[in-house]
Amino acid sequence: MFATDLLKELKTERQVYLVTPKDKLYYALKIIDCNRNVPQSNINVLKKSIKKNNALHLRPILIDNEYYIIDGQTRYESCKQFNLPFYVDIIDSSDWSNKDLISINTTQRNWQLGDYLRYYVNFNIPSYVAFKTLKETHEHITIQMLIAMFNETSQRYSLNSKAFKNGELKYDSTNKTTIFKWLAWLNEINEAPIYPSLDNKTKRNQEFQSALFRKFSSSNWDNCKFIRLLSEYPHQLNKLKRVSDFNEEIENIYMSA
């Protein structure tokens, strides 16, 4: 046949193997620590797809000879929950590196910022370890706005996110003071005894945080003054959505003295 003739001139590099629930390898595959977490929602979507049309034979799970999953975590977890067989394509552990995980996975579903954070924290990159600690101790700050804070800006610039994804997050004497000052100011505002108090939705609102950071970047900003005036002002912060509206409301409060 035509296809057979074409294959004759090719070199066989690897083979695909069928793995069933009866095989020891079925439960022996290992997850790489620095790889992204697999949301249960992704597993559920794939399970529905498998139930409708099982095409797993077309997408083998890529593993190395130490049984680490390089590509196919979601498929693996879905198969285990269905008790279904799956296929594996095996490469030597020397043929790949941890950086390949990002390249492989971002071509299928973009990594979220949290995936990149987890990846670099796993390798104890100091700036990312510090970032993770600050994110965990300041629950209302979003990853995007904390990145903006590390870059001492009020905007969620794509270039800043790109640097974050590339492992280039800066955390040194040039920005540490600003980061801790802005976080302290943000926490003071969030916890201020005002009426009406800020609800959690507002505290987590990136447009609200962006408007505040814009004020924080001003050399004339007085956070104590703002909190005092906020406690006396019939603010509408919990009702706003757009950054322009937050900017206007914050300015009105600050100038209400």
Protein backbone atom coordinates (compact mmCIF):
# COMPACT_ATOMS: atom_id res chain seq x y z
CA MET A 1 0.00 0.00 0.00
CA PHE A 2 1.04 3.63 -0.50
CA ALA A 3 1.22 4.38 3.24
CA THR A 4 3.34 1.29 3.91
CA ASP A 5 5.85 2.29 1.23
CA LEU A 6 6.26 5.71 2.81
CA LEU A 7 6.79 4.24 6.28
CA LYS A 8 9.55 1.89 5.14
CA GLU A 9 12.03 4.74 4.84
CA LEU A 10 11.31 6.09 8.34
CA LYS A 11 13.27 5.29 11.50
CA THR A 12 11.38 3.98 14.52
CA GLU A 13 12.17 6.20 17.51
CA ARG A 14 9.56 5.24 20.08
CA GLN A 15 6.58 2.98 20.54
CA VAL A 16 3.15 3.53 22.07
CA TYR A 17 2.00 1.13 24.78
CA LEU A 18 -1.48 0.23 26.00
CA VAL A 19 -1.83 0.40 29.80
CA THR A 20 -4.84 -1.26 31.46
CA PRO A 21 -6.08 -1.14 35.06
CA LYS A 22 -4.58 -4.61 35.52
CA ASP A 23 -1.06 -3.38 34.76
CA LYS A 24 1.29 -2.20 37.52
CA LEU A 25 2.15 0.91 35.52
CA TYR A 26 -1.49 2.04 35.65
CA TYR A 27 -1.12 3.39 39.19
CA ALA A 28 2.62 4.00 39.10
CA LEU A 29 2.68 7.20 37.01
CA LYS A 30 3.95 10.24 38.90
CA ILE A 31 3.05 13.93 38.76
CA ILE A 32 5.89 16.43 38.35
CA ASP A 33 5.86 18.87 41.29
CA CYS A 34 6.51 21.99 39.21
CA ASN A 35 3.80 21.19 36.68
CA ARG A 36 0.49 23.03 36.90
CA ASN A 37 -2.36 21.72 39.01
CA VAL A 38 -5.17 20.02 37.15
CA PRO A 39 -8.54 21.58 38.06
CA GLN A 40 -11.32 19.07 38.68
CA SER A 41 -13.42 21.11 36.25
CA ASN A 42 -10.98 20.21 33.44
CA ILE A 43 -11.16 16.56 34.41
CA ASN A 44 -14.97 16.69 34.38
CA VAL A 45 -15.02 18.23 30.89
CA LEU A 46 -12.70 15.54 29.56
CA LYS A 47 -14.71 12.79 31.25
CA LYS A 48 -17.83 13.98 29.43
CA SER A 49 -15.90 14.02 26.17
CA ILE A 50 -14.59 10.48 26.77
CA LYS A 51 -18.07 9.26 27.63
CA LYS A 52 -19.40 10.71 24.38
CA ASN A 53 -16.51 9.59 22.19
CA ASN A 54 -13.44 7.85 23.62
CA ALA A 55 -10.55 9.00 21.44
CA LEU A 56 -7.78 8.42 23.97
CA HIS A 57 -5.95 6.16 21.53
CA LEU A 58 -5.28 9.26 19.44
CA ARG A 59 -3.57 11.12 22.30
CA PRO A 60 -1.07 8.95 24.21
CA ILE A 61 0.13 10.22 27.58
CA LEU A 62 3.76 11.29 27.32
CA ILE A 63 5.93 9.90 30.15
CA ASP A 64 9.61 9.33 30.76
CA ASN A 65 11.38 6.14 31.78
CA GLU A 66 11.06 7.15 35.45
CA TYR A 67 7.26 7.21 35.04
CA TYR A 68 6.83 11.01 35.34
CA ILE A 69 3.98 12.47 33.29
CA ILE A 70 5.34 15.12 30.96
CA ASP A 71 2.08 15.71 29.12
CA GLY A 72 -1.35 14.22 29.88
CA GLN A 73 -2.15 14.75 33.55
CA THR A 74 -5.80 15.46 32.82
CA ARG A 75 -6.13 12.38 30.63
CA TYR A 76 -4.49 10.25 33.31
CA GLU A 77 -6.76 11.47 36.10
CA SER A 78 -9.86 11.08 33.91
CA CYS A 79 -8.94 7.51 32.96
CA LYS A 80 -8.38 6.54 36.57
CA GLN A 81 -11.76 7.91 37.58
CA PHE A 82 -13.40 5.94 34.77
CA ASN A 83 -11.14 2.91 35.28
CA LEU A 84 -10.30 3.10 31.57
CA PRO A 85 -7.14 1.94 29.80
CA PHE A 86 -4.87 4.56 28.26
CA TYR A 87 -1.86 4.74 25.98
CA VAL A 88 1.63 5.97 26.86
CA ASP A 89 4.48 7.25 24.76
CA ILE A 90 7.77 6.86 26.63
CA ILE A 91 10.89 9.02 26.25
CA ASP A 92 14.18 8.97 28.12
CA SER A 93 14.37 11.26 31.16
CA SER A 94 17.46 12.88 29.64
CA ASP A 95 15.47 14.03 26.60
CA TRP A 96 13.44 16.69 28.39
CA SER A 97 13.76 19.41 31.05
CA ASN A 98 11.33 21.15 33.37
CA LYS A 99 11.22 24.18 31.06
CA ASP A 100 9.72 21.95 28.38
CA LEU A 101 6.58 21.66 30.53
CA ILE A 102 5.67 25.28 29.84
CA SER A 103 6.32 24.94 26.10
CA ILE A 104 4.26 21.75 25.85
CA ASN A 105 1.31 22.89 27.91
CA THR A 106 0.95 26.47 26.70
CA THR A 107 0.37 25.22 23.17
CA GLN A 108 -2.73 23.35 24.42
CA ARG A 109 -4.22 25.54 27.16
CA ASN A 110 -2.54 28.70 28.35
CA TRP A 111 -1.00 28.48 31.76
CA GLN A 112 -2.60 30.77 34.29
CA LEU A 113 -0.42 33.17 36.29
CA GLY A 114 -0.85 30.87 39.30
CA ASP A 115 0.64 28.00 37.26
CA TYR A 116 3.75 30.05 36.52
CA LEU A 117 4.01 31.07 40.17
CA ARG A 118 3.86 27.46 41.29
CA TYR A 119 6.46 26.48 38.70
CA TYR A 120 9.06 29.05 39.79
CA VAL A 121 8.37 28.61 43.51
CA ASN A 122 9.13 24.91 43.08
CA PHE A 123 12.67 25.93 42.08
CA ASN A 124 12.94 28.34 45.03
CA ILE A 125 13.38 31.46 42.89
CA PRO A 126 13.59 34.09 45.70
CA SER A 127 11.38 36.73 44.07
CA TYR A 128 8.61 34.20 43.40
CA VAL A 129 8.84 32.69 46.88
CA ALA A 130 8.45 36.21 48.31
CA PHE A 131 5.56 36.89 45.91
CA LYS A 132 3.76 33.71 47.03
CA THR A 133 4.22 34.60 50.69
CA LEU A 134 2.83 38.10 50.18
CA LYS A 135 -0.10 36.75 48.16
CA GLU A 136 -0.99 34.28 50.91
CA THR A 137 -0.76 36.87 53.69
CA HIS A 138 -2.84 39.46 51.79
CA GLU A 139 -5.84 37.48 50.64
CA HIS A 140 -7.62 40.31 48.84
CA ILE A 141 -4.80 41.26 46.49
CA THR A 142 -5.05 39.58 43.08
CA ILE A 143 -2.03 38.07 41.36
CA GLN A 144 -2.29 40.59 38.52
CA MET A 145 -2.35 43.56 40.87
CA LEU A 146 0.48 42.18 43.00
CA ILE A 147 2.53 41.92 39.80
CA ALA A 148 1.66 45.57 39.13
CA MET A 149 2.75 46.42 42.66
CA PHE A 150 6.08 44.65 42.18
CA ASN A 151 6.52 46.86 39.13
CA GLU A 152 5.41 49.95 41.08
CA THR A 153 2.57 50.75 38.73
CA SER A 154 -1.20 50.94 38.96
CA GLN A 155 -1.78 49.23 35.61
CA ARG A 156 -1.96 45.56 34.61
CA TYR A 157 0.50 45.82 31.74
CA SER A 158 0.97 42.78 29.51
CA LEU A 159 4.74 43.34 29.51
CA ASN A 160 4.80 42.94 33.29
CA SER A 161 2.85 39.67 33.03
CA LYS A 162 5.21 38.50 30.29
CA ALA A 163 8.23 39.14 32.50
CA PHE A 164 6.48 37.29 35.34
CA LYS A 165 5.89 34.30 33.05
CA ASN A 166 9.50 34.36 31.87
CA GLY A 167 10.86 34.14 35.42
CA GLU A 168 12.03 37.77 35.45
CA LEU A 169 10.06 39.05 38.48
CA LYS A 170 12.09 41.73 40.22
CA TYR A 171 12.25 41.86 44.01
CA ASP A 172 15.14 43.82 45.50
CA SER A 173 16.02 47.04 47.29
CA THR A 174 14.60 49.10 44.42
CA ASN A 175 11.01 47.96 44.90
CA LYS A 176 10.71 46.28 48.32
CA THR A 177 9.92 49.52 50.16
CA THR A 178 7.13 50.41 47.76
CA ILE A 179 5.64 46.91 47.88
CA PHE A 180 5.43 46.79 51.69
CA LYS A 181 4.19 50.40 51.92
CA TRP A 182 1.42 49.87 49.36
CA LEU A 183 0.35 46.58 50.92
CA ALA A 184 0.20 48.21 54.35
CA TRP A 185 -1.88 51.10 53.00
CA LEU A 186 -4.21 48.73 51.17
CA ASN A 187 -4.70 46.65 54.31
CA GLU A 188 -5.38 49.76 56.41
CA ILE A 189 -8.10 50.85 53.98
CA ASN A 190 -9.66 47.38 53.78
CA GLU A 191 -9.80 47.05 57.56
CA ALA A 192 -10.81 50.65 58.35
CA PRO A 193 -13.82 51.04 60.66
CA ILE A 194 -16.03 52.80 58.13
CA TYR A 195 -19.69 52.71 57.26
CA PRO A 196 -20.65 51.12 55.08
CA SER A 197 -17.69 48.79 55.43
CA LEU A 198 -16.01 47.57 52.28
CA ASP A 199 -17.40 44.21 51.21
CA ASN A 200 -15.11 41.40 50.11
CA LYS A 201 -16.11 41.82 46.48
CA THR A 202 -14.91 45.42 46.54
CA LYS A 203 -11.69 44.53 48.35
CA ARG A 204 -10.87 41.98 45.63
CA ASN A 205 -11.93 44.25 42.77
CA GLN A 206 -8.92 44.86 40.52
CA GLU A 207 -10.36 48.17 39.30
CA PHE A 208 -10.61 49.37 42.91
CA GLN A 209 -7.05 48.26 43.62
CA SER A 210 -5.81 49.89 40.42
CA ALA A 211 -7.44 53.21 41.36
CA LEU A 212 -5.86 53.06 44.83
CA PHE A 213 -2.42 52.20 43.45
CA ARG A 214 -2.66 55.22 41.19
CA LYS A 215 -3.10 57.38 44.29
CA PHE A 216 -0.43 55.50 46.23
CA SER A 217 2.11 56.37 43.53
CA SER A 218 1.60 60.08 44.20
CA SER A 219 4.22 61.64 46.49
CA ASN A 220 1.46 63.71 48.13
CA TRP A 221 -0.73 60.76 49.13
CA ASP A 222 -1.71 60.72 52.82
CA ASN A 223 -3.29 57.38 53.68
CA CYS A 224 -4.25 58.37 57.22
CA LYS A 225 -6.05 61.43 55.89
CA PHE A 226 -7.92 59.31 53.33
CA ILE A 227 -9.10 56.79 55.93
CA ARG A 228 -10.25 59.59 58.25
CA LEU A 229 -12.23 61.24 55.46
CA LEU A 230 -13.54 57.87 54.26
CA SER A 231 -15.03 57.27 57.70
CA GLU A 232 -16.94 60.55 57.42
CA TYR A 233 -17.95 60.34 53.76
CA PRO A 234 -21.08 58.54 52.46
CA HIS A 235 -19.01 56.58 49.96
CA GLN A 236 -20.37 54.48 47.11
CA LEU A 237 -17.32 52.23 46.65
CA ASN A 238 -19.29 49.01 47.04
CA LYS A 239 -21.52 49.98 44.12
CA LEU A 240 -18.83 50.81 41.56
CA LYS A 241 -17.27 48.66 38.84
CA ARG A 242 -15.21 50.80 36.45
CA VAL A 243 -11.75 52.09 37.32
CA SER A 244 -12.76 55.58 36.16
CA ASP A 245 -15.63 55.59 38.67
CA PHE A 246 -13.35 54.41 41.46
CA ASN A 247 -10.84 57.13 40.53
CA GLU A 248 -13.53 59.78 40.73
CA GLU A 249 -14.98 58.50 44.02
CA ILE A 250 -11.58 58.26 45.70
CA GLU A 251 -10.72 61.76 44.51
CA ASN A 252 -14.03 63.10 45.85
CA ILE A 253 -13.37 61.52 49.23
CA TYR A 254 -9.81 62.82 49.40
CA MET A 255 -10.90 66.36 48.51
CA SER A 256 -13.89 66.41 50.85
CA ALA A 257 -11.95 67.98 53.72
